[in-house]
Amino acid sequence: MHYSSIAKDTTSSRKIYLIVFYISAVIMAAITMYALYASLIEYLSTGKTVIGDVLVTTEFPVKGLSKLVTYLMIVSVLAWYCVTKLGGEKVKDVKPSVKAVLQLIVLVIAVVSLYEFVYNFVVWSSLITVDAMQGVMKLDTINVPYPNPKVPWNLVFATKMSLAAFLISAHGFYIMARKKRPES
């Protein structure tokens, strides 16, 4: 009887993770499709676009509430977490040499995304300070012409998504690097 209740708990928690994953995936796809559509319309009408700008300037479901970039960041991390809960046990079946290579790749991604997060946050904060000293407050529309001067990136978007990338890659590294607990 004890084993059946554990099996039921495992099945119900897997269902929850699966439902949350699918909802997150649908939301990510919807936000991405909207952003691509709105960016294309902007590009066709103005001849330029700022990466991530439409996600930062669009508030949903009503004006004054969260921005689409915030939803995208949250559901990205949620989806990753659900994936690791659903398939995390598969990692232990990977050959140690392949696992070592994957750990190194994920570690590099974590380091780069942490650097990008700090870089974007510092640049964004600096530009906010410069604007504030001139009496201007335009927090969400600040962009930087990097890495391509012809295609600038919105700093809110870059900061939030690099934070999500860091959280996901750091968690992935943790999952692959943690020691197995001895069974008692």
N, C-alpha and C. Protein backbone atom coordinates (compact mmCIF):
# COMPACT_ATOMS: atom_id res chain seq x y z
N MET A 1 0.82 -1.19 0.00
CA MET A 1 0.00 0.00 0.00
C MET A 1 0.86 1.25 0.00
N HIS A 2 1.97 1.20 0.72
CA HIS A 2 2.87 2.35 0.79
C HIS A 2 3.43 2.70 -0.58
N TYR A 3 3.78 1.69 -1.35
CA TYR A 3 4.37 1.93 -2.67
C TYR A 3 3.38 2.55 -3.64
N SER A 4 2.10 2.18 -3.54
CA SER A 4 1.12 2.73 -4.47
C SER A 4 0.89 4.22 -4.21
N SER A 5 0.94 4.65 -2.94
CA SER A 5 0.76 6.08 -2.67
C SER A 5 1.96 6.87 -3.17
N ILE A 6 3.17 6.31 -3.08
CA ILE A 6 4.36 6.97 -3.64
C ILE A 6 4.24 7.05 -5.15
N ALA A 7 3.78 5.99 -5.78
CA ALA A 7 3.60 5.98 -7.24
C ALA A 7 2.57 7.02 -7.65
N LYS A 8 1.47 7.14 -6.87
CA LYS A 8 0.45 8.14 -7.19
C LYS A 8 1.00 9.55 -7.06
N ASP A 9 1.79 9.80 -5.98
CA ASP A 9 2.40 11.11 -5.80
C ASP A 9 3.34 11.44 -6.94
N THR A 10 4.14 10.47 -7.35
CA THR A 10 5.07 10.68 -8.46
C THR A 10 4.32 10.96 -9.75
N THR A 11 3.27 10.20 -10.00
CA THR A 11 2.48 10.41 -11.22
C THR A 11 1.80 11.77 -11.21
N SER A 12 1.23 12.16 -10.09
CA SER A 12 0.54 13.46 -10.04
C SER A 12 1.53 14.61 -10.14
N SER A 13 2.71 14.49 -9.52
CA SER A 13 3.69 15.58 -9.65
C SER A 13 4.24 15.64 -11.08
N ARG A 14 4.43 14.51 -11.73
CA ARG A 14 4.86 14.51 -13.13
C ARG A 14 3.81 15.21 -14.01
N LYS A 15 2.53 14.96 -13.72
CA LYS A 15 1.46 15.61 -14.49
C LYS A 15 1.52 17.12 -14.31
N ILE A 16 1.75 17.56 -13.07
CA ILE A 16 1.84 19.00 -12.80
C ILE A 16 3.00 19.61 -13.58
N TYR A 17 4.18 18.97 -13.51
CA TYR A 17 5.34 19.48 -14.24
C TYR A 17 5.08 19.49 -15.75
N LEU A 18 4.41 18.45 -16.23
CA LEU A 18 4.11 18.38 -17.67
C LEU A 18 3.14 19.48 -18.08
N ILE A 19 2.11 19.71 -17.29
CA ILE A 19 1.13 20.76 -17.60
C ILE A 19 1.80 22.13 -17.57
N VAL A 20 2.59 22.39 -16.53
CA VAL A 20 3.28 23.69 -16.42
C VAL A 20 4.25 23.86 -17.59
N PHE A 21 4.94 22.78 -17.96
CA PHE A 21 5.86 22.87 -19.11
C PHE A 21 5.10 23.24 -20.37
N TYR A 22 4.01 22.55 -20.67
CA TYR A 22 3.27 22.83 -21.90
C TYR A 22 2.68 24.23 -21.89
N ILE A 23 2.16 24.67 -20.76
CA ILE A 23 1.63 26.03 -20.68
C ILE A 23 2.76 27.04 -20.92
N SER A 24 3.91 26.80 -20.30
CA SER A 24 5.06 27.69 -20.48
C SER A 24 5.52 27.71 -21.94
N ALA A 25 5.55 26.53 -22.56
CA ALA A 25 5.98 26.44 -23.95
C ALA A 25 5.02 27.20 -24.87
N VAL A 26 3.73 27.08 -24.62
CA VAL A 26 2.74 27.80 -25.44
C VAL A 26 2.90 29.31 -25.25
N ILE A 27 3.09 29.73 -24.00
CA ILE A 27 3.27 31.17 -23.73
C ILE A 27 4.55 31.67 -24.41
N MET A 28 5.65 30.91 -24.30
CA MET A 28 6.90 31.31 -24.96
C MET A 28 6.70 31.44 -26.47
N ALA A 29 6.02 30.46 -27.06
CA ALA A 29 5.78 30.49 -28.51
C ALA A 29 4.91 31.68 -28.89
N ALA A 30 3.86 31.95 -28.12
CA ALA A 30 2.96 33.07 -28.41
C ALA A 30 3.69 34.40 -28.32
N ILE A 31 4.49 34.56 -27.26
CA ILE A 31 5.23 35.81 -27.09
C ILE A 31 6.24 35.99 -28.22
N THR A 32 6.92 34.91 -28.57
CA THR A 32 7.91 34.98 -29.65
C THR A 32 7.26 35.31 -30.99
N MET A 33 6.15 34.67 -31.29
CA MET A 33 5.46 34.95 -32.56
C MET A 33 4.96 36.40 -32.60
N TYR A 34 4.40 36.87 -31.49
CA TYR A 34 3.96 38.26 -31.43
C TYR A 34 5.14 39.21 -31.64
N ALA A 35 6.25 38.93 -30.98
CA ALA A 35 7.42 39.80 -31.09
C ALA A 35 7.95 39.82 -32.52
N LEU A 36 8.01 38.67 -33.14
CA LEU A 36 8.47 38.62 -34.54
C LEU A 36 7.53 39.40 -35.45
N TYR A 37 6.23 39.21 -35.27
CA TYR A 37 5.24 39.92 -36.08
C TYR A 37 5.34 41.43 -35.87
N ALA A 38 5.34 41.88 -34.62
CA ALA A 38 5.40 43.31 -34.32
C ALA A 38 6.72 43.92 -34.79
N SER A 39 7.82 43.19 -34.64
CA SER A 39 9.12 43.69 -35.10
C SER A 39 9.16 43.80 -36.62
N LEU A 40 8.56 42.84 -37.30
CA LEU A 40 8.50 42.89 -38.77
C LEU A 40 7.68 44.09 -39.23
N ILE A 41 6.55 44.32 -38.59
CA ILE A 41 5.72 45.48 -38.93
C ILE A 41 6.51 46.77 -38.70
N GLU A 42 7.21 46.85 -37.55
CA GLU A 42 8.01 48.03 -37.25
C GLU A 42 9.12 48.22 -38.29
N TYR A 43 9.78 47.13 -38.65
CA TYR A 43 10.86 47.21 -39.63
C TYR A 43 10.34 47.66 -41.00
N LEU A 44 9.20 47.12 -41.41
CA LEU A 44 8.64 47.48 -42.70
C LEU A 44 8.18 48.94 -42.73
N SER A 45 7.74 49.47 -41.60
CA SER A 45 7.27 50.86 -41.59
C SER A 45 8.39 51.87 -41.33
N THR A 46 9.40 51.51 -40.54
CA THR A 46 10.46 52.48 -40.20
C THR A 46 11.82 52.14 -40.80
N GLY A 47 12.00 50.92 -41.24
CA GLY A 47 13.29 50.50 -41.79
C GLY A 47 14.31 50.12 -40.73
N LYS A 48 13.90 50.10 -39.47
CA LYS A 48 14.83 49.68 -38.41
C LYS A 48 14.04 48.99 -37.30
N THR A 49 14.77 48.29 -36.46
CA THR A 49 14.16 47.64 -35.31
C THR A 49 15.19 47.54 -34.20
N VAL A 50 14.71 47.52 -32.97
CA VAL A 50 15.56 47.35 -31.79
C VAL A 50 15.20 45.99 -31.20
N ILE A 51 16.19 45.12 -31.08
CA ILE A 51 15.95 43.77 -30.57
C ILE A 51 15.34 43.84 -29.17
N GLY A 52 14.20 43.19 -29.01
CA GLY A 52 13.54 43.12 -27.71
C GLY A 52 12.68 44.31 -27.34
N ASP A 53 12.71 45.36 -28.13
CA ASP A 53 11.98 46.58 -27.78
C ASP A 53 10.47 46.34 -27.68
N VAL A 54 9.93 45.58 -28.60
CA VAL A 54 8.48 45.35 -28.60
C VAL A 54 8.07 44.56 -27.34
N LEU A 55 8.93 43.69 -26.84
CA LEU A 55 8.61 42.93 -25.64
C LEU A 55 8.66 43.79 -24.38
N VAL A 56 9.47 44.83 -24.42
CA VAL A 56 9.60 45.73 -23.27
C VAL A 56 8.50 46.78 -23.27
N THR A 57 8.07 47.20 -24.43
CA THR A 57 7.06 48.27 -24.50
C THR A 57 5.63 47.74 -24.48
N THR A 58 5.46 46.43 -24.61
CA THR A 58 4.12 45.85 -24.60
C THR A 58 3.79 45.35 -23.21
N GLU A 59 2.76 45.94 -22.61
CA GLU A 59 2.31 45.52 -21.29
C GLU A 59 1.06 44.66 -21.46
N PHE A 60 0.97 43.59 -20.68
CA PHE A 60 -0.11 42.63 -20.86
C PHE A 60 -0.60 42.16 -19.51
N PRO A 61 -1.85 41.96 -19.30
CA PRO A 61 -2.99 42.08 -20.20
C PRO A 61 -3.53 43.51 -20.31
N VAL A 62 -3.14 44.40 -19.38
CA VAL A 62 -3.56 45.79 -19.48
C VAL A 62 -2.36 46.69 -19.25
N LYS A 63 -2.47 47.92 -19.73
CA LYS A 63 -1.39 48.88 -19.54
C LYS A 63 -1.13 49.10 -18.06
N GLY A 64 0.13 49.10 -17.69
CA GLY A 64 0.50 49.27 -16.30
C GLY A 64 0.83 47.96 -15.60
N LEU A 65 0.54 46.85 -16.27
CA LEU A 65 0.87 45.55 -15.68
C LEU A 65 2.21 45.08 -16.24
N SER A 66 2.55 43.84 -16.05
CA SER A 66 3.85 43.30 -16.48
C SER A 66 4.06 43.40 -17.98
N LYS A 67 5.32 43.48 -18.32
CA LYS A 67 5.73 43.54 -19.72
C LYS A 67 5.93 42.12 -20.25
N LEU A 68 5.80 41.96 -21.55
CA LEU A 68 5.95 40.63 -22.15
C LEU A 68 7.33 40.03 -21.87
N VAL A 69 8.36 40.86 -21.80
CA VAL A 69 9.70 40.34 -21.54
C VAL A 69 9.77 39.70 -20.16
N THR A 70 9.03 40.22 -19.21
CA THR A 70 9.01 39.62 -17.86
C THR A 70 8.34 38.25 -17.91
N TYR A 71 7.22 38.16 -18.61
CA TYR A 71 6.57 36.86 -18.77
C TYR A 71 7.49 35.86 -19.47
N LEU A 72 8.18 36.33 -20.52
CA LEU A 72 9.08 35.44 -21.26
C LEU A 72 10.20 34.94 -20.36
N MET A 73 10.77 35.81 -19.56
CA MET A 73 11.83 35.40 -18.65
C MET A 73 11.32 34.35 -17.66
N ILE A 74 10.17 34.59 -17.07
CA ILE A 74 9.61 33.69 -16.06
C ILE A 74 9.28 32.33 -16.66
N VAL A 75 8.58 32.31 -17.80
CA VAL A 75 8.19 31.01 -18.36
C VAL A 75 9.39 30.25 -18.92
N SER A 76 10.43 30.95 -19.33
CA SER A 76 11.65 30.26 -19.77
C SER A 76 12.28 29.48 -18.62
N VAL A 77 12.39 30.13 -17.48
CA VAL A 77 12.98 29.48 -16.30
C VAL A 77 12.04 28.38 -15.80
N LEU A 78 10.74 28.63 -15.77
CA LEU A 78 9.78 27.61 -15.35
C LEU A 78 9.83 26.38 -16.25
N ALA A 79 9.86 26.61 -17.55
CA ALA A 79 9.90 25.49 -18.50
C ALA A 79 11.17 24.67 -18.28
N TRP A 80 12.30 25.33 -18.11
CA TRP A 80 13.55 24.62 -17.86
C TRP A 80 13.46 23.77 -16.60
N TYR A 81 12.93 24.36 -15.54
CA TYR A 81 12.82 23.63 -14.28
C TYR A 81 11.94 22.39 -14.45
N CYS A 82 10.83 22.54 -15.16
CA CYS A 82 9.95 21.40 -15.39
C CYS A 82 10.65 20.32 -16.21
N VAL A 83 11.40 20.73 -17.21
CA VAL A 83 12.15 19.76 -18.03
C VAL A 83 13.13 18.99 -17.16
N THR A 84 13.82 19.68 -16.26
CA THR A 84 14.79 18.97 -15.41
C THR A 84 14.09 18.05 -14.41
N LYS A 85 12.91 18.42 -13.95
CA LYS A 85 12.17 17.54 -13.04
C LYS A 85 11.62 16.33 -13.79
N LEU A 86 11.25 16.52 -15.04
CA LEU A 86 10.69 15.42 -15.83
C LEU A 86 11.77 14.48 -16.37
N GLY A 87 12.91 15.02 -16.75
CA GLY A 87 13.93 14.19 -17.38
C GLY A 87 15.29 14.23 -16.73
N GLY A 88 15.36 14.80 -15.53
CA GLY A 88 16.64 14.95 -14.85
C GLY A 88 17.34 13.64 -14.55
N GLU A 89 16.58 12.58 -14.37
CA GLU A 89 17.18 11.28 -14.06
C GLU A 89 17.92 10.69 -15.27
N LYS A 90 17.60 11.17 -16.45
CA LYS A 90 18.27 10.67 -17.66
C LYS A 90 19.75 11.04 -17.68
N VAL A 91 20.12 12.12 -16.98
CA VAL A 91 21.50 12.59 -16.97
C VAL A 91 22.43 11.54 -16.36
N LYS A 92 21.94 10.80 -15.39
CA LYS A 92 22.81 9.82 -14.74
C LYS A 92 23.15 8.65 -15.67
N ASP A 93 22.41 8.47 -16.76
CA ASP A 93 22.69 7.40 -17.70
C ASP A 93 23.70 7.80 -18.78
N VAL A 94 24.10 9.06 -18.79
CA VAL A 94 25.04 9.56 -19.79
C VAL A 94 26.45 9.13 -19.41
N LYS A 95 27.24 8.76 -20.41
CA LYS A 95 28.63 8.36 -20.16
C LYS A 95 29.37 9.49 -19.45
N PRO A 96 30.27 9.15 -18.54
CA PRO A 96 31.01 10.19 -17.80
C PRO A 96 31.79 11.14 -18.71
N SER A 97 32.34 10.66 -19.81
CA SER A 97 33.08 11.55 -20.70
C SER A 97 32.16 12.55 -21.40
N VAL A 98 31.00 12.08 -21.83
CA VAL A 98 30.01 12.98 -22.46
C VAL A 98 29.47 13.95 -21.43
N LYS A 99 29.22 13.46 -20.23
CA LYS A 99 28.72 14.32 -19.15
C LYS A 99 29.74 15.41 -18.81
N ALA A 100 31.02 15.07 -18.82
CA ALA A 100 32.07 16.05 -18.53
C ALA A 100 32.09 17.15 -19.59
N VAL A 101 31.96 16.77 -20.85
CA VAL A 101 31.93 17.75 -21.93
C VAL A 101 30.69 18.65 -21.80
N LEU A 102 29.54 18.04 -21.52
CA LEU A 102 28.31 18.82 -21.35
C LEU A 102 28.42 19.79 -20.16
N GLN A 103 29.02 19.31 -19.08
CA GLN A 103 29.22 20.19 -17.91
C GLN A 103 30.09 21.39 -18.28
N LEU A 104 31.14 21.15 -19.03
CA LEU A 104 32.02 22.25 -19.43
C LEU A 104 31.30 23.24 -20.33
N ILE A 105 30.51 22.74 -21.25
CA ILE A 105 29.75 23.62 -22.15
C ILE A 105 28.75 24.46 -21.35
N VAL A 106 28.02 23.82 -20.43
CA VAL A 106 27.04 24.54 -19.63
C VAL A 106 27.72 25.54 -18.70
N LEU A 107 28.89 25.18 -18.18
CA LEU A 107 29.65 26.12 -17.34
C LEU A 107 30.07 27.35 -18.14
N VAL A 108 30.52 27.14 -19.36
CA VAL A 108 30.90 28.28 -20.23
C VAL A 108 29.68 29.16 -20.49
N ILE A 109 28.55 28.55 -20.77
CA ILE A 109 27.32 29.31 -21.01
C ILE A 109 26.94 30.10 -19.76
N ALA A 110 27.07 29.48 -18.58
CA ALA A 110 26.75 30.18 -17.33
C ALA A 110 27.66 31.37 -17.11
N VAL A 111 28.95 31.20 -17.36
CA VAL A 111 29.91 32.30 -17.16
C VAL A 111 29.63 33.43 -18.14
N VAL A 112 29.41 33.10 -19.40
CA VAL A 112 29.14 34.13 -20.41
C VAL A 112 27.83 34.85 -20.11
N SER A 113 26.80 34.11 -19.75
CA SER A 113 25.51 34.76 -19.48
C SER A 113 25.57 35.60 -18.20
N LEU A 114 26.34 35.18 -17.20
CA LEU A 114 26.53 36.01 -16.01
C LEU A 114 27.25 37.30 -16.37
N TYR A 115 28.30 37.18 -17.19
CA TYR A 115 29.01 38.38 -17.64
C TYR A 115 28.06 39.31 -18.40
N GLU A 116 27.29 38.76 -19.31
CA GLU A 116 26.35 39.57 -20.10
C GLU A 116 25.32 40.24 -19.21
N PHE A 117 24.82 39.51 -18.21
CA PHE A 117 23.85 40.10 -17.28
C PHE A 117 24.46 41.29 -16.55
N VAL A 118 25.64 41.10 -15.98
CA VAL A 118 26.30 42.18 -15.23
C VAL A 118 26.61 43.34 -16.17
N TYR A 119 27.16 43.04 -17.35
CA TYR A 119 27.49 44.08 -18.33
C TYR A 119 26.25 44.89 -18.69
N ASN A 120 25.18 44.21 -19.09
CA ASN A 120 23.95 44.90 -19.49
C ASN A 120 23.37 45.71 -18.35
N PHE A 121 23.40 45.15 -17.15
CA PHE A 121 22.84 45.86 -15.99
C PHE A 121 23.64 47.12 -15.68
N VAL A 122 24.96 47.02 -15.73
CA VAL A 122 25.81 48.19 -15.45
C VAL A 122 25.63 49.27 -16.52
N VAL A 123 25.61 48.86 -17.79
CA VAL A 123 25.40 49.84 -18.87
C VAL A 123 24.03 50.48 -18.73
N TRP A 124 23.01 49.68 -18.49
CA TRP A 124 21.65 50.19 -18.33
C TRP A 124 21.59 51.18 -17.16
N SER A 125 22.15 50.81 -16.02
CA SER A 125 22.16 51.70 -14.85
C SER A 125 22.90 52.99 -15.14
N SER A 126 24.02 52.89 -15.84
CA SER A 126 24.81 54.08 -16.17
C SER A 126 24.02 55.02 -17.07
N LEU A 127 23.37 54.46 -18.07
CA LEU A 127 22.59 55.29 -18.99
C LEU A 127 21.36 55.90 -18.30
N ILE A 128 20.77 55.17 -17.36
CA ILE A 128 19.66 55.73 -16.58
C ILE A 128 20.16 56.92 -15.77
N THR A 129 21.35 56.79 -15.18
CA THR A 129 21.93 57.88 -14.38
C THR A 129 22.21 59.10 -15.24
N VAL A 130 22.79 58.88 -16.42
CA VAL A 130 23.07 59.99 -17.34
C VAL A 130 21.77 60.70 -17.71
N ASP A 131 20.75 59.92 -18.06
CA ASP A 131 19.46 60.50 -18.42
C ASP A 131 18.84 61.26 -17.23
N ALA A 132 18.93 60.68 -16.03
CA ALA A 132 18.35 61.32 -14.85
C ALA A 132 19.03 62.64 -14.54
N MET A 133 20.33 62.72 -14.76
CA MET A 133 21.05 63.97 -14.52
C MET A 133 20.64 65.05 -15.52
N GLN A 134 20.11 64.63 -16.66
CA GLN A 134 19.63 65.58 -17.66
C GLN A 134 18.13 65.81 -17.52
N GLY A 135 17.53 65.21 -16.47
CA GLY A 135 16.11 65.41 -16.22
C GLY A 135 15.20 64.54 -17.07
N VAL A 136 15.73 63.47 -17.63
CA VAL A 136 14.96 62.57 -18.49
C VAL A 136 14.85 61.21 -17.82
N MET A 137 13.67 60.63 -17.82
CA MET A 137 13.50 59.27 -17.29
C MET A 137 12.86 58.40 -18.36
N LYS A 138 13.68 57.66 -19.05
CA LYS A 138 13.18 56.74 -20.09
C LYS A 138 13.77 55.35 -19.85
N LEU A 139 13.35 54.73 -18.78
CA LEU A 139 13.93 53.47 -18.32
C LEU A 139 13.81 52.33 -19.33
N ASP A 140 12.67 52.22 -19.98
CA ASP A 140 12.40 51.06 -20.82
C ASP A 140 12.84 51.19 -22.27
N THR A 141 13.20 52.38 -22.70
CA THR A 141 13.53 52.56 -24.11
C THR A 141 15.02 52.72 -24.36
N ILE A 142 15.82 52.51 -23.34
CA ILE A 142 17.28 52.64 -23.52
C ILE A 142 17.79 51.41 -24.26
N ASN A 143 18.56 51.68 -25.29
CA ASN A 143 19.14 50.56 -26.05
C ASN A 143 20.61 50.84 -26.30
N VAL A 144 21.30 49.80 -26.69
CA VAL A 144 22.73 49.92 -26.93
C VAL A 144 23.03 49.30 -28.30
N PRO A 145 23.82 50.01 -29.12
CA PRO A 145 24.14 49.49 -30.46
C PRO A 145 25.28 48.46 -30.41
N TYR A 146 25.04 47.40 -29.68
CA TYR A 146 26.06 46.37 -29.51
C TYR A 146 25.37 45.03 -29.59
N PRO A 147 25.83 44.06 -30.24
CA PRO A 147 27.12 43.90 -30.91
C PRO A 147 27.15 44.44 -32.33
N ASN A 148 25.98 44.76 -32.90
CA ASN A 148 25.93 45.28 -34.26
C ASN A 148 25.33 46.69 -34.22
N PRO A 149 26.09 47.72 -34.61
CA PRO A 149 25.57 49.10 -34.54
C PRO A 149 24.29 49.31 -35.35
N LYS A 150 24.06 48.49 -36.37
CA LYS A 150 22.86 48.66 -37.18
C LYS A 150 21.62 48.04 -36.53
N VAL A 151 21.84 47.15 -35.56
CA VAL A 151 20.72 46.48 -34.89
C VAL A 151 20.92 46.56 -33.37
N PRO A 152 20.46 47.66 -32.75
CA PRO A 152 20.64 47.81 -31.30
C PRO A 152 19.75 46.86 -30.50
N TRP A 153 20.15 46.64 -29.24
CA TRP A 153 19.40 45.80 -28.32
C TRP A 153 18.81 46.66 -27.21
N ASN A 154 17.56 46.40 -26.87
CA ASN A 154 16.93 47.05 -25.73
C ASN A 154 17.59 46.48 -24.47
N LEU A 155 18.04 47.34 -23.56
CA LEU A 155 18.79 46.88 -22.39
C LEU A 155 17.92 46.18 -21.35
N VAL A 156 16.65 46.51 -21.25
CA VAL A 156 15.76 45.77 -20.35
C VAL A 156 15.66 44.33 -20.84
N PHE A 157 15.42 44.16 -22.13
CA PHE A 157 15.33 42.83 -22.73
C PHE A 157 16.63 42.06 -22.54
N ALA A 158 17.75 42.68 -22.88
CA ALA A 158 19.04 42.01 -22.79
C ALA A 158 19.36 41.61 -21.35
N THR A 159 19.04 42.47 -20.40
CA THR A 159 19.33 42.19 -18.99
C THR A 159 18.46 41.04 -18.48
N LYS A 160 17.17 41.09 -18.74
CA LYS A 160 16.28 40.04 -18.24
C LYS A 160 16.56 38.69 -18.88
N MET A 161 16.80 38.68 -20.19
CA MET A 161 17.03 37.40 -20.84
C MET A 161 18.40 36.82 -20.52
N SER A 162 19.40 37.67 -20.28
CA SER A 162 20.70 37.13 -19.88
C SER A 162 20.63 36.60 -18.44
N LEU A 163 19.79 37.20 -17.61
CA LEU A 163 19.57 36.67 -16.26
C LEU A 163 18.90 35.29 -16.35
N ALA A 164 17.89 35.17 -17.21
CA ALA A 164 17.23 33.87 -17.39
C ALA A 164 18.22 32.83 -17.90
N ALA A 165 19.06 33.22 -18.86
CA ALA A 165 20.06 32.29 -19.39
C ALA A 165 21.04 31.86 -18.30
N PHE A 166 21.42 32.80 -17.44
CA PHE A 166 22.33 32.44 -16.35
C PHE A 166 21.65 31.47 -15.38
N LEU A 167 20.42 31.76 -14.98
CA LEU A 167 19.72 30.88 -14.05
C LEU A 167 19.57 29.47 -14.61
N ILE A 168 19.20 29.40 -15.89
CA ILE A 168 19.00 28.10 -16.53
C ILE A 168 20.32 27.34 -16.63
N SER A 169 21.37 27.99 -17.08
CA SER A 169 22.65 27.29 -17.25
C SER A 169 23.29 26.95 -15.91
N ALA A 170 23.16 27.82 -14.91
CA ALA A 170 23.70 27.50 -13.59
C ALA A 170 22.96 26.32 -12.97
N HIS A 171 21.67 26.28 -13.15
CA HIS A 171 20.89 25.15 -12.65
C HIS A 171 21.26 23.87 -13.39
N GLY A 172 21.44 23.98 -14.70
CA GLY A 172 21.87 22.81 -15.49
C GLY A 172 23.22 22.29 -15.03
N PHE A 173 24.14 23.20 -14.77
CA PHE A 173 25.46 22.78 -14.28
C PHE A 173 25.33 22.11 -12.92
N TYR A 174 24.53 22.69 -12.06
CA TYR A 174 24.32 22.11 -10.72
C TYR A 174 23.77 20.69 -10.83
N ILE A 175 22.78 20.50 -11.67
CA ILE A 175 22.16 19.18 -11.82
C ILE A 175 23.18 18.15 -12.30
N MET A 176 24.01 18.54 -13.26
CA MET A 176 24.98 17.59 -13.80
C MET A 176 26.16 17.37 -12.85
N ALA A 177 26.49 18.36 -12.04
CA ALA A 177 27.68 18.25 -11.19
C ALA A 177 27.41 17.70 -9.80
N ARG A 178 26.16 17.71 -9.37
CA ARG A 178 25.88 17.27 -8.00
C ARG A 178 26.19 15.79 -7.83
N LYS A 179 26.61 15.48 -6.65
CA LYS A 179 26.92 14.09 -6.30
C LYS A 179 25.64 13.34 -6.01
N LYS A 180 25.64 12.08 -6.35
CA LYS A 180 24.49 11.25 -6.02
C LYS A 180 24.47 10.98 -4.53
N ARG A 181 23.29 11.09 -3.95
CA ARG A 181 23.15 10.80 -2.53
C ARG A 181 23.10 9.29 -2.34
N PRO A 182 23.79 8.83 -1.31
CA PRO A 182 23.68 7.40 -1.03
C PRO A 182 22.27 7.06 -0.55
N GLU A 183 21.75 5.98 -1.06
CA GLU A 183 20.39 5.58 -0.67
C GLU A 183 20.44 4.95 0.71
N SER A 184 19.47 5.34 1.53
CA SER A 184 19.45 4.78 2.89
C SER A 184 18.33 3.77 3.06
